[in-house]
Amino acid sequence: MRHEPSSAELLKRLEQHGIRLGLETTHMVLSSLGNPESGYPSVLVAGTNGKGSTAVQLASIAAAAGYRTGLYTSPHLEEITERIRVDGAAVSAQLFSGTLTRVVENAAGALGHLPTYFEAVTAAAFLIFAEQKVDVAIMEVGLGGRLDATNACEPALSLITEIGLEHRQYLGETLSTIAREKAGILRQGRPAWAWVERDEAWEAIRAVGGEVGAKLHRGPEAAKLIETKQLGWEGQEVQMETSVDSYLVRTPLLGAHQVKNLALATLGAEGLRELGWTRIDRQAIERGVASTYWPGRLERVELPGGRTVILDVAHNADGAATLASFLNDALGRFDLLFGVLDDKEVSTFLPSLARQAGKVILTSPTSSRSMPVERLAPLLANREVVSEAEPAAALHRALEDGDDPLVICGSVYLVGELRTLLRHRCGLPQPASSQPCWTRRGLELPSQAEV
């Protein structure tokens, strides 16, 4: 009897192909599948930090307006199915496995070789969204933009979050070169907004926008943030104005950076309305933002016994600075459990982040690409740290040896792994794949009969 490989086995095989930038393979795979990406409108969201948060808020807005919405994000926290969501819910393991198998088999026939992990999963997302007959798909770009597999679609509009120095071995050494790569998602005659405050990055994006003829707007000039009121751990209330409308929005997402992501998502929603999604009005925007659920981003977990755990995927200089600012205002004292992959420039942010912490525990995500704790510890030579290479042991030490709030941050892979271990140990939080990434939260979203 022939053994049909599981999705986990397939993904492990595909992972061996590493990262391959370029669209040729993805275009050929999609062509072999009948070009599913052309069957519905898409929005591409690129940037360094905040692109996932922007994408999920825009998807939630579209859903609140009554549109069947696909959402593709990466990487995942705990389960691969989190990456592909329809109407907020992660696709089933069975649907994902069957679709991935079809993608890989078609790719092998069309190419004579296997696609990469990301190429295959992206193609699976495009195919699932087509077969689920979504009205719109919100696609978070993986790496860069110009040569990322998501860019194989033709977006109805594009959004770009703030640009920072990341993945320089792939994208270039300067903000300008990285920004140009991100701006590869812009299209001739199509609307686009970039919430980019660094002038060097903005000028590069603007230059690309001019070259391709995109209808490009700078986010901070298109939306005026008037006032932000902190609601404790419940979120934030944001008053803002655009050329289209005025909004008073409550978001459950914490941190000053999320206000900018919210504003960018709002501009994207207004852009969709202008393109014909007429049910996206002020009410849909306010309800959609308020109902967003996005785990692993300043996610607060209250453990039995009263210990607070904060989970955040800050893994670069900008993300860590944002996290440190929030922690300084919200917590004061805290313990830190940290680990990253080996491609991160940790020296630029770990010392300053750890300076605020009481106890520091260093570990390594369970990945062939993880940074060994032996490379992390010397960066904190001026203070005492605990090094535990195994994440489970590190979590045990962190929970047993302190009472202050515990901040778990770094790689998405580490946060997801420890999130799972927390649940096995303490019974919560709920699996990320089991909860829709937008919820009613006491809000009455329109039924299909009403829209």
Protein backbone atom coordinates (compact mmCIF):
# COMPACT_ATOMS: atom_id res chain seq x y z
CA MET A 1 0.00 0.00 0.00
CA ARG A 2 1.34 3.40 -0.98
CA HIS A 3 2.14 5.70 1.93
CA GLU A 4 0.64 9.16 1.50
CA PRO A 5 2.91 11.65 3.28
CA SER A 6 1.29 13.84 5.91
CA SER A 7 1.47 17.61 5.63
CA ALA A 8 4.16 17.61 8.33
CA GLU A 9 6.25 15.14 6.32
CA LEU A 10 5.77 17.17 3.13
CA LEU A 11 6.70 20.40 4.84
CA LYS A 12 9.83 18.82 6.30
CA ARG A 13 10.90 17.79 2.80
CA LEU A 14 10.14 21.23 1.41
CA GLU A 15 12.00 22.95 4.23
CA GLN A 16 15.21 21.39 2.96
CA HIS A 17 15.00 23.65 -0.10
CA GLY A 18 15.54 26.72 2.07
CA ILE A 19 14.63 30.21 0.87
CA ARG A 20 14.33 30.96 -2.83
CA LEU A 21 13.56 34.53 -3.83
CA GLY A 22 11.90 34.97 -7.20
CA LEU A 23 8.49 34.47 -8.76
CA GLU A 24 9.21 32.05 -11.60
CA THR A 25 8.52 28.90 -9.58
CA THR A 26 5.41 30.32 -7.95
CA HIS A 27 3.98 31.49 -11.28
CA MET A 28 4.55 28.04 -12.80
CA VAL A 29 2.96 26.26 -9.84
CA LEU A 30 -0.06 28.56 -9.90
CA SER A 31 -0.38 28.13 -13.66
CA SER A 32 -0.45 24.34 -13.20
CA LEU A 33 -3.32 24.85 -10.74
CA GLY A 34 -5.34 27.06 -13.10
CA ASN A 35 -4.14 30.40 -11.67
CA PRO A 36 -6.40 30.44 -8.61
CA GLU A 37 -4.93 33.78 -7.48
CA SER A 38 -6.67 35.54 -10.37
CA GLY A 39 -10.14 34.46 -9.24
CA TYR A 40 -10.62 37.11 -6.53
CA PRO A 41 -9.16 40.50 -5.52
CA SER A 42 -6.19 40.58 -3.16
CA VAL A 43 -4.49 43.12 -0.94
CA LEU A 44 -0.74 42.81 -0.28
CA VAL A 45 0.75 44.03 3.01
CA ALA A 46 4.53 44.38 3.21
CA GLY A 47 6.90 45.99 5.70
CA THR A 48 9.30 45.16 8.51
CA ASN A 49 7.16 45.19 11.66
CA GLY A 50 3.38 45.34 11.96
CA LYS A 51 2.40 43.88 8.62
CA GLY A 52 0.60 40.94 10.21
CA SER A 53 -1.27 43.21 12.63
CA THR A 54 -2.24 45.52 9.78
CA ALA A 55 -3.39 42.60 7.65
CA VAL A 56 -5.54 41.03 10.37
CA GLN A 57 -7.22 44.34 11.18
CA LEU A 58 -8.03 44.99 7.53
CA ALA A 59 -9.37 41.46 7.18
CA SER A 60 -11.52 41.93 10.28
CA ILE A 61 -12.90 45.17 8.83
CA ALA A 62 -13.82 43.47 5.56
CA ALA A 63 -15.52 40.66 7.50
CA ALA A 64 -17.43 43.15 9.66
CA ALA A 65 -18.78 44.64 6.43
CA GLY A 66 -20.14 41.22 5.49
CA TYR A 67 -17.55 40.15 2.93
CA ARG A 68 -16.19 36.60 2.86
CA THR A 69 -12.56 37.23 3.68
CA GLY A 70 -9.36 35.24 3.32
CA LEU A 71 -6.31 36.04 5.43
CA TYR A 72 -2.80 34.74 4.82
CA THR A 73 -0.05 35.46 7.35
CA SER A 74 3.36 34.03 8.22
CA PRO A 75 5.00 32.57 10.13
CA HIS A 76 2.56 30.79 12.45
CA LEU A 77 2.70 30.58 16.23
CA GLU A 78 1.73 26.97 16.91
CA GLU A 79 0.06 25.28 13.93
CA ILE A 80 0.66 25.73 10.20
CA THR A 81 -3.10 26.04 9.63
CA GLU A 82 -3.04 29.44 11.40
CA ARG A 83 -1.47 30.89 8.27
CA ILE A 84 -4.57 30.39 6.13
CA ARG A 85 -7.87 31.67 7.49
CA VAL A 86 -11.32 32.07 5.98
CA ASP A 87 -13.75 34.35 7.80
CA GLY A 88 -11.28 34.46 10.68
CA ALA A 89 -11.08 30.71 11.27
CA ALA A 90 -7.96 28.69 10.55
CA VAL A 91 -8.55 26.08 7.85
CA SER A 92 -8.86 22.49 8.99
CA ALA A 93 -5.82 20.23 9.06
CA GLN A 94 -7.56 17.98 6.56
CA LEU A 95 -8.21 20.78 4.07
CA PHE A 96 -4.68 22.10 4.43
CA SER A 97 -3.07 18.68 4.03
CA GLY A 98 -5.13 17.79 0.97
CA THR A 99 -4.48 21.13 -0.69
CA LEU A 100 -0.76 21.06 0.06
CA THR A 101 -0.51 17.58 -1.45
CA ARG A 102 -2.21 18.78 -4.64
CA VAL A 103 0.12 21.78 -4.83
CA VAL A 104 3.26 19.68 -4.39
CA GLU A 105 2.15 17.04 -6.90
CA ASN A 106 1.29 19.69 -9.49
CA ALA A 107 4.57 21.48 -8.83
CA ALA A 108 6.59 18.28 -9.26
CA GLY A 109 4.90 17.65 -12.59
CA ALA A 110 5.18 21.21 -13.85
CA LEU A 111 8.69 21.96 -12.60
CA GLY A 112 10.43 18.63 -12.32
CA HIS A 113 11.46 19.66 -8.80
CA LEU A 114 9.80 20.63 -5.52
CA PRO A 115 8.88 24.16 -4.50
CA THR A 116 10.15 25.66 -1.27
CA TYR A 117 8.13 25.49 1.94
CA PHE A 118 6.92 29.08 1.54
CA GLU A 119 6.17 28.77 -2.16
CA ALA A 120 4.05 25.67 -1.56
CA VAL A 121 2.12 27.09 1.42
CA THR A 122 1.50 30.37 -0.41
CA ALA A 123 0.18 28.51 -3.45
CA ALA A 124 -2.03 26.45 -1.13
CA ALA A 125 -3.44 29.66 0.33
CA PHE A 126 -4.23 31.06 -3.11
CA LEU A 127 -5.95 27.80 -4.05
CA ILE A 128 -7.97 27.51 -0.84
CA PHE A 129 -9.20 31.10 -1.13
CA ALA A 130 -10.34 30.46 -4.70
CA GLU A 131 -12.18 27.27 -3.79
CA GLN A 132 -13.71 28.88 -0.70
CA LYS A 133 -14.95 31.70 -2.96
CA VAL A 134 -13.67 34.59 -0.86
CA ASP A 135 -14.68 38.12 -1.81
CA VAL A 136 -11.22 39.43 -0.96
CA ALA A 137 -7.93 37.99 0.32
CA ILE A 138 -5.57 39.94 2.57
CA MET A 139 -2.04 38.60 2.03
CA GLU A 140 0.88 39.34 4.35
CA VAL A 141 4.15 39.37 2.42
CA GLY A 142 6.79 37.01 3.74
CA LEU A 143 10.29 38.27 2.90
CA GLY A 144 10.79 41.59 1.13
CA GLY A 145 8.12 42.09 -1.51
CA ARG A 146 9.39 42.25 -5.07
CA LEU A 147 10.52 38.61 -5.15
CA ASP A 148 8.21 37.18 -2.48
CA ALA A 149 5.85 34.37 -3.52
CA THR A 150 2.80 36.40 -2.43
CA ASN A 151 3.68 38.96 -5.10
CA ALA A 152 2.60 36.47 -7.77
CA CYS A 153 -0.90 37.91 -7.48
CA GLU A 154 -2.00 41.28 -8.88
CA PRO A 155 -3.17 43.23 -5.82
CA ALA A 156 -6.13 45.56 -5.95
CA LEU A 157 -4.22 47.75 -3.51
CA SER A 158 -1.01 47.57 -1.49
CA LEU A 159 -0.02 48.59 2.04
CA ILE A 160 3.50 49.04 3.44
CA THR A 161 4.32 49.35 7.14
CA GLU A 162 7.44 50.97 8.62
CA ILE A 163 10.76 49.83 7.15
CA GLY A 164 13.71 48.73 9.28
CA LEU A 165 17.00 46.98 8.74
CA GLU A 166 16.24 43.26 8.41
CA HIS A 167 17.25 40.26 6.30
CA ARG A 168 20.11 42.28 4.87
CA GLN A 169 21.67 39.18 3.33
CA TYR A 170 18.60 38.98 1.05
CA LEU A 171 17.26 42.52 0.80
CA GLY A 172 20.28 44.81 0.90
CA GLU A 173 22.39 46.71 3.38
CA THR A 174 20.55 50.04 3.62
CA LEU A 175 17.07 51.26 4.43
CA SER A 176 16.78 52.53 0.89
CA THR A 177 17.55 49.20 -0.78
CA ILE A 178 15.30 47.29 1.63
CA ALA A 179 12.48 49.78 1.05
CA ARG A 180 12.79 49.36 -2.72
CA GLU A 181 12.40 45.60 -2.30
CA LYS A 182 9.30 46.09 -0.13
CA ALA A 183 7.91 48.54 -2.70
CA GLY A 184 7.96 45.76 -5.30
CA ILE A 185 4.32 45.10 -4.37
CA LEU A 186 3.20 48.41 -5.92
CA ARG A 187 1.29 48.27 -9.20
CA GLN A 188 0.59 50.67 -12.03
CA GLY A 189 -2.61 52.61 -11.50
CA ARG A 190 -3.39 50.83 -8.23
CA PRO A 191 -3.80 52.65 -4.89
CA ALA A 192 -1.22 52.16 -2.15
CA TRP A 193 -0.46 53.59 1.28
CA ALA A 194 2.84 53.41 3.15
CA TRP A 195 2.97 54.21 6.86
CA VAL A 196 6.68 54.94 6.71
CA GLU A 197 8.13 57.68 8.90
CA ARG A 198 11.82 57.28 8.04
CA ASP A 199 12.52 59.68 5.20
CA GLU A 200 15.20 57.51 3.58
CA ALA A 201 12.77 54.60 3.31
CA TRP A 202 9.88 56.79 2.16
CA GLU A 203 11.92 58.42 -0.61
CA ALA A 204 12.89 54.99 -1.93
CA ILE A 205 9.28 53.80 -1.88
CA ARG A 206 8.10 57.00 -3.51
CA ALA A 207 10.70 56.56 -6.25
CA VAL A 208 9.46 53.04 -7.01
CA GLY A 209 5.87 54.25 -6.92
CA GLY A 210 6.74 56.88 -9.52
CA GLU A 211 8.57 54.36 -11.69
CA VAL A 212 5.61 51.95 -11.84
CA GLY A 213 2.88 54.58 -11.81
CA ALA A 214 1.20 53.55 -8.54
CA LYS A 215 -1.29 55.84 -6.80
CA LEU A 216 0.89 56.06 -3.71
CA HIS A 217 0.11 57.97 -0.52
CA ARG A 218 2.13 58.45 2.66
CA GLY A 219 0.12 57.21 5.62
CA PRO A 220 1.08 59.85 8.22
CA GLU A 221 -0.03 62.54 5.75
CA ALA A 222 -3.28 60.75 4.85
CA ALA A 223 -4.48 60.03 8.39
CA LYS A 224 -4.29 62.40 11.36
CA LEU A 225 -3.98 60.71 14.73
CA ILE A 226 -5.69 63.13 17.11
CA GLU A 227 -5.74 61.38 20.47
CA THR A 228 -5.05 57.96 21.95
CA LYS A 229 -6.54 56.96 25.29
CA GLN A 230 -5.10 53.95 27.10
CA LEU A 231 -7.68 51.48 28.42
CA GLY A 232 -5.28 49.44 30.53
CA TRP A 233 -4.96 45.86 29.40
CA GLU A 234 -8.28 46.17 27.54
CA GLY A 235 -6.65 48.07 24.69
CA GLN A 236 -6.69 51.61 23.34
CA GLU A 237 -9.21 54.16 22.11
CA VAL A 238 -8.02 56.07 19.07
CA GLN A 239 -9.48 59.23 17.58
CA MET A 240 -8.33 59.93 14.03
CA GLU A 241 -9.34 61.72 10.84
CA THR A 242 -8.77 61.03 7.17
CA SER A 243 -9.90 62.91 4.10
CA VAL A 244 -12.86 60.53 3.99
CA ASP A 245 -14.18 60.37 7.58
CA SER A 246 -13.55 60.74 11.29
CA TYR A 247 -13.25 57.74 13.60
CA LEU A 248 -13.33 56.89 17.28
CA VAL A 249 -12.00 53.33 17.34
CA ARG A 250 -11.34 50.92 20.20
CA THR A 251 -8.65 48.36 19.51
CA PRO A 252 -7.74 45.44 21.79
CA LEU A 253 -4.17 45.51 20.39
CA LEU A 254 -1.69 47.13 22.76
CA GLY A 255 1.23 49.45 22.10
CA ALA A 256 1.80 52.75 20.30
CA HIS A 257 2.86 50.86 17.17
CA GLN A 258 -0.58 49.28 16.89
CA VAL A 259 -2.17 52.71 16.57
CA LYS A 260 -0.18 53.25 13.37
CA ASN A 261 -1.08 49.78 12.11
CA LEU A 262 -4.73 50.55 12.83
CA ALA A 263 -4.50 53.81 10.88
CA LEU A 264 -2.90 52.06 7.92
CA ALA A 265 -5.55 49.34 7.95
CA THR A 266 -8.22 52.06 8.01
CA LEU A 267 -6.69 53.75 4.97
CA GLY A 268 -6.63 50.38 3.22
CA ALA A 269 -10.31 49.86 4.11
CA GLU A 270 -11.19 53.27 2.70
CA GLY A 271 -9.25 52.32 -0.41
CA LEU A 272 -11.29 49.14 -0.81
CA ARG A 273 -14.50 51.14 -0.43
CA GLU A 274 -13.36 53.47 -3.19
CA LEU A 275 -12.71 50.41 -5.38
CA GLY A 276 -16.25 49.13 -4.93
CA TRP A 277 -16.48 47.41 -1.54
CA THR A 278 -19.26 49.83 -0.64
CA ARG A 279 -20.34 48.09 2.56
CA ILE A 280 -17.05 49.10 4.20
CA ASP A 281 -18.26 52.18 6.05
CA ARG A 282 -17.28 53.85 9.32
CA GLN A 283 -19.32 51.37 11.35
CA ALA A 284 -17.64 48.37 9.71
CA ILE A 285 -14.20 49.89 10.30
CA GLU A 286 -14.89 50.58 13.97
CA ARG A 287 -16.47 47.17 14.57
CA GLY A 288 -13.82 45.32 12.64
CA VAL A 289 -10.93 46.90 14.51
CA ALA A 290 -12.64 46.37 17.88
CA SER A 291 -13.15 42.66 17.20
CA THR A 292 -9.58 41.86 16.15
CA TYR A 293 -7.79 39.03 17.96
CA TRP A 294 -4.07 38.60 17.24
CA PRO A 295 -2.20 36.34 19.68
CA GLY A 296 1.50 36.65 20.42
CA ARG A 297 1.51 40.43 20.11
CA LEU A 298 1.69 41.89 23.61
CA GLU A 299 -0.61 39.04 24.58
CA ARG A 300 -1.34 38.96 28.30
CA VAL A 301 -1.95 35.62 30.02
CA GLU A 302 -2.99 35.44 33.68
CA LEU A 303 -1.81 32.11 35.07
CA PRO A 304 -3.48 30.27 37.96
CA GLY A 305 -1.86 31.65 41.08
CA GLY A 306 -1.67 35.20 39.75
CA ARG A 307 1.54 35.28 37.70
CA THR A 308 1.28 37.41 34.57
CA VAL A 309 2.93 36.32 31.32
CA ILE A 310 3.35 38.64 28.34
CA LEU A 311 3.99 37.02 24.93
CA ASP A 312 5.44 39.14 22.15
CA VAL A 313 7.21 38.34 18.90
CA ALA A 314 9.65 41.27 19.01
CA HIS A 315 12.78 39.95 17.30
CA ASN A 316 14.52 42.98 15.79
CA ALA A 317 15.66 46.42 16.91
CA ASP A 318 12.45 48.29 16.09
CA GLY A 319 10.22 45.62 17.60
CA ALA A 320 12.31 45.42 20.76
CA ALA A 321 12.33 49.21 21.18
CA THR A 322 8.55 49.28 20.89
CA LEU A 323 8.23 46.42 23.38
CA ALA A 324 10.65 48.07 25.84
CA SER A 325 8.71 51.33 25.73
CA PHE A 326 5.44 49.56 26.44
CA LEU A 327 6.91 47.48 29.27
CA ASN A 328 8.42 50.55 30.89
CA ASP A 329 5.00 52.22 31.02
CA ALA A 330 2.86 49.18 31.79
CA LEU A 331 4.90 46.94 34.06
CA GLY A 332 7.99 48.51 35.53
CA ARG A 333 9.67 45.36 36.87
CA PHE A 334 9.57 42.12 34.90
CA ASP A 335 11.57 38.98 34.16
CA LEU A 336 12.66 38.24 30.60
CA LEU A 337 12.77 34.93 28.71
CA PHE A 338 14.36 35.43 25.30
CA GLY A 339 15.52 33.49 22.25
CA VAL A 340 15.86 34.15 18.51
CA LEU A 341 16.95 32.66 15.21
CA ASP A 342 20.55 33.03 14.12
CA ASP A 343 19.94 35.63 11.40
CA LYS A 344 18.98 38.38 13.87
CA GLU A 345 21.32 41.23 14.79
CA VAL A 346 20.75 40.71 18.49
CA SER A 347 23.55 42.99 19.63
CA THR A 348 21.52 45.98 18.43
CA PHE A 349 18.64 45.42 20.86
CA LEU A 350 19.06 42.66 23.47
CA PRO A 351 21.29 44.62 25.88
CA SER A 352 18.85 47.55 26.07
CA LEU A 353 15.83 45.25 26.40
CA ALA A 354 17.48 43.19 29.14
CA ARG A 355 18.55 46.32 31.01
CA GLN A 356 14.96 46.81 32.17
CA ALA A 357 14.52 43.22 33.34
CA GLY A 358 15.06 41.74 36.77
CA LYS A 359 15.98 38.17 35.85
CA VAL A 360 17.02 37.17 32.35
CA ILE A 361 16.70 33.62 31.01
CA LEU A 362 18.18 32.87 27.59
CA THR A 363 17.13 29.93 25.44
CA SER A 364 17.02 28.73 21.83
CA PRO A 365 13.89 28.01 19.74
CA THR A 366 13.60 24.41 18.61
CA SER A 367 14.84 25.04 15.08
CA SER A 368 17.89 24.24 13.00
CA ARG A 369 18.22 27.99 12.53
CA SER A 370 18.16 28.96 16.22
CA MET A 371 20.84 31.12 17.77
CA PRO A 372 22.73 29.19 20.48
CA VAL A 373 22.56 30.64 23.97
CA GLU A 374 26.37 30.65 23.93
CA ARG A 375 26.21 33.50 21.43
CA LEU A 376 23.57 35.41 23.38
CA ALA A 377 25.12 35.33 26.85
CA PRO A 378 28.27 37.36 25.99
CA LEU A 379 26.05 40.26 24.93
CA LEU A 380 24.95 40.52 28.57
CA ALA A 381 28.37 40.01 30.14
CA ASN A 382 27.80 42.88 32.59
CA ARG A 383 24.97 41.06 34.36
CA GLU A 384 23.96 37.63 35.62
CA VAL A 385 21.85 35.55 33.28
CA VAL A 386 20.46 32.03 33.23
CA SER A 387 21.15 30.02 30.08
CA GLU A 388 18.88 27.06 29.30
CA ALA A 389 19.20 25.77 25.76
CA GLU A 390 15.96 23.74 25.99
CA PRO A 391 12.85 25.96 25.89
CA ALA A 392 10.90 23.69 28.26
CA ALA A 393 13.65 23.89 30.87
CA ALA A 394 13.92 27.65 30.38
CA LEU A 395 10.19 28.10 30.92
CA HIS A 396 10.31 25.94 34.05
CA ARG A 397 13.14 28.06 35.49
CA ALA A 398 11.37 31.28 34.60
CA LEU A 399 8.11 30.25 36.25
CA GLU A 400 9.64 28.64 39.33
CA ASP A 401 12.22 31.31 40.15
CA GLY A 402 10.19 34.51 40.25
CA ASP A 403 6.93 36.34 40.94
CA ASP A 404 7.27 39.40 38.71
CA PRO A 405 5.50 39.45 35.34
CA LEU A 406 7.30 37.22 32.85
CA VAL A 407 7.92 38.59 29.37
CA ILE A 408 8.52 35.91 26.73
CA CYS A 409 9.79 37.42 23.51
CA GLY A 410 12.00 36.94 20.48
CA SER A 411 11.41 34.57 17.60
CA VAL A 412 7.85 33.76 16.57
CA TYR A 413 8.93 30.13 16.76
CA LEU A 414 9.97 30.50 20.40
CA VAL A 415 6.84 32.39 21.41
CA GLY A 416 4.66 29.77 19.74
CA GLU A 417 6.57 26.89 21.31
CA LEU A 418 6.39 28.36 24.81
CA ARG A 419 2.75 29.31 24.30
CA THR A 420 2.04 25.61 23.73
CA LEU A 421 4.13 24.58 26.73
CA LEU A 422 2.30 27.11 28.91
CA ARG A 423 -1.00 25.54 27.93
CA HIS A 424 0.24 22.03 28.74
CA ARG A 425 1.49 23.24 32.10
CA CYS A 426 -1.23 25.69 33.14
CA GLY A 427 -4.22 25.02 30.88
CA LEU A 428 -4.03 28.30 28.95
CA PRO A 429 -3.90 30.18 26.64
CA GLN A 430 -6.16 28.51 24.09
CA PRO A 431 -4.50 27.24 20.88
CA ALA A 432 -4.06 30.05 18.37
CA SER A 433 -5.61 27.89 15.65
CA SER A 434 -8.76 27.23 17.70
CA GLN A 435 -9.81 30.88 17.95
CA PRO A 436 -10.96 33.08 15.08
CA CYS A 437 -8.67 36.09 14.61
CA TRP A 438 -11.69 38.30 14.84
CA THR A 439 -14.45 37.79 17.36
CA ARG A 440 -17.78 39.34 18.18
CA ARG A 441 -16.53 40.65 21.55
CA GLY A 442 -20.07 41.78 22.33
CA LEU A 443 -20.48 43.39 18.93
CA GLU A 444 -23.28 42.33 16.62
CA LEU A 445 -21.68 41.78 13.23
CA PRO A 446 -24.11 41.80 10.30
CA SER A 447 -25.60 38.52 9.20
CA GLN A 448 -25.54 37.57 5.53
CA ALA A 449 -29.26 38.31 5.42
CA GLU A 450 -28.59 41.89 6.54
CA VAL A 451 -25.92 42.50 3.92
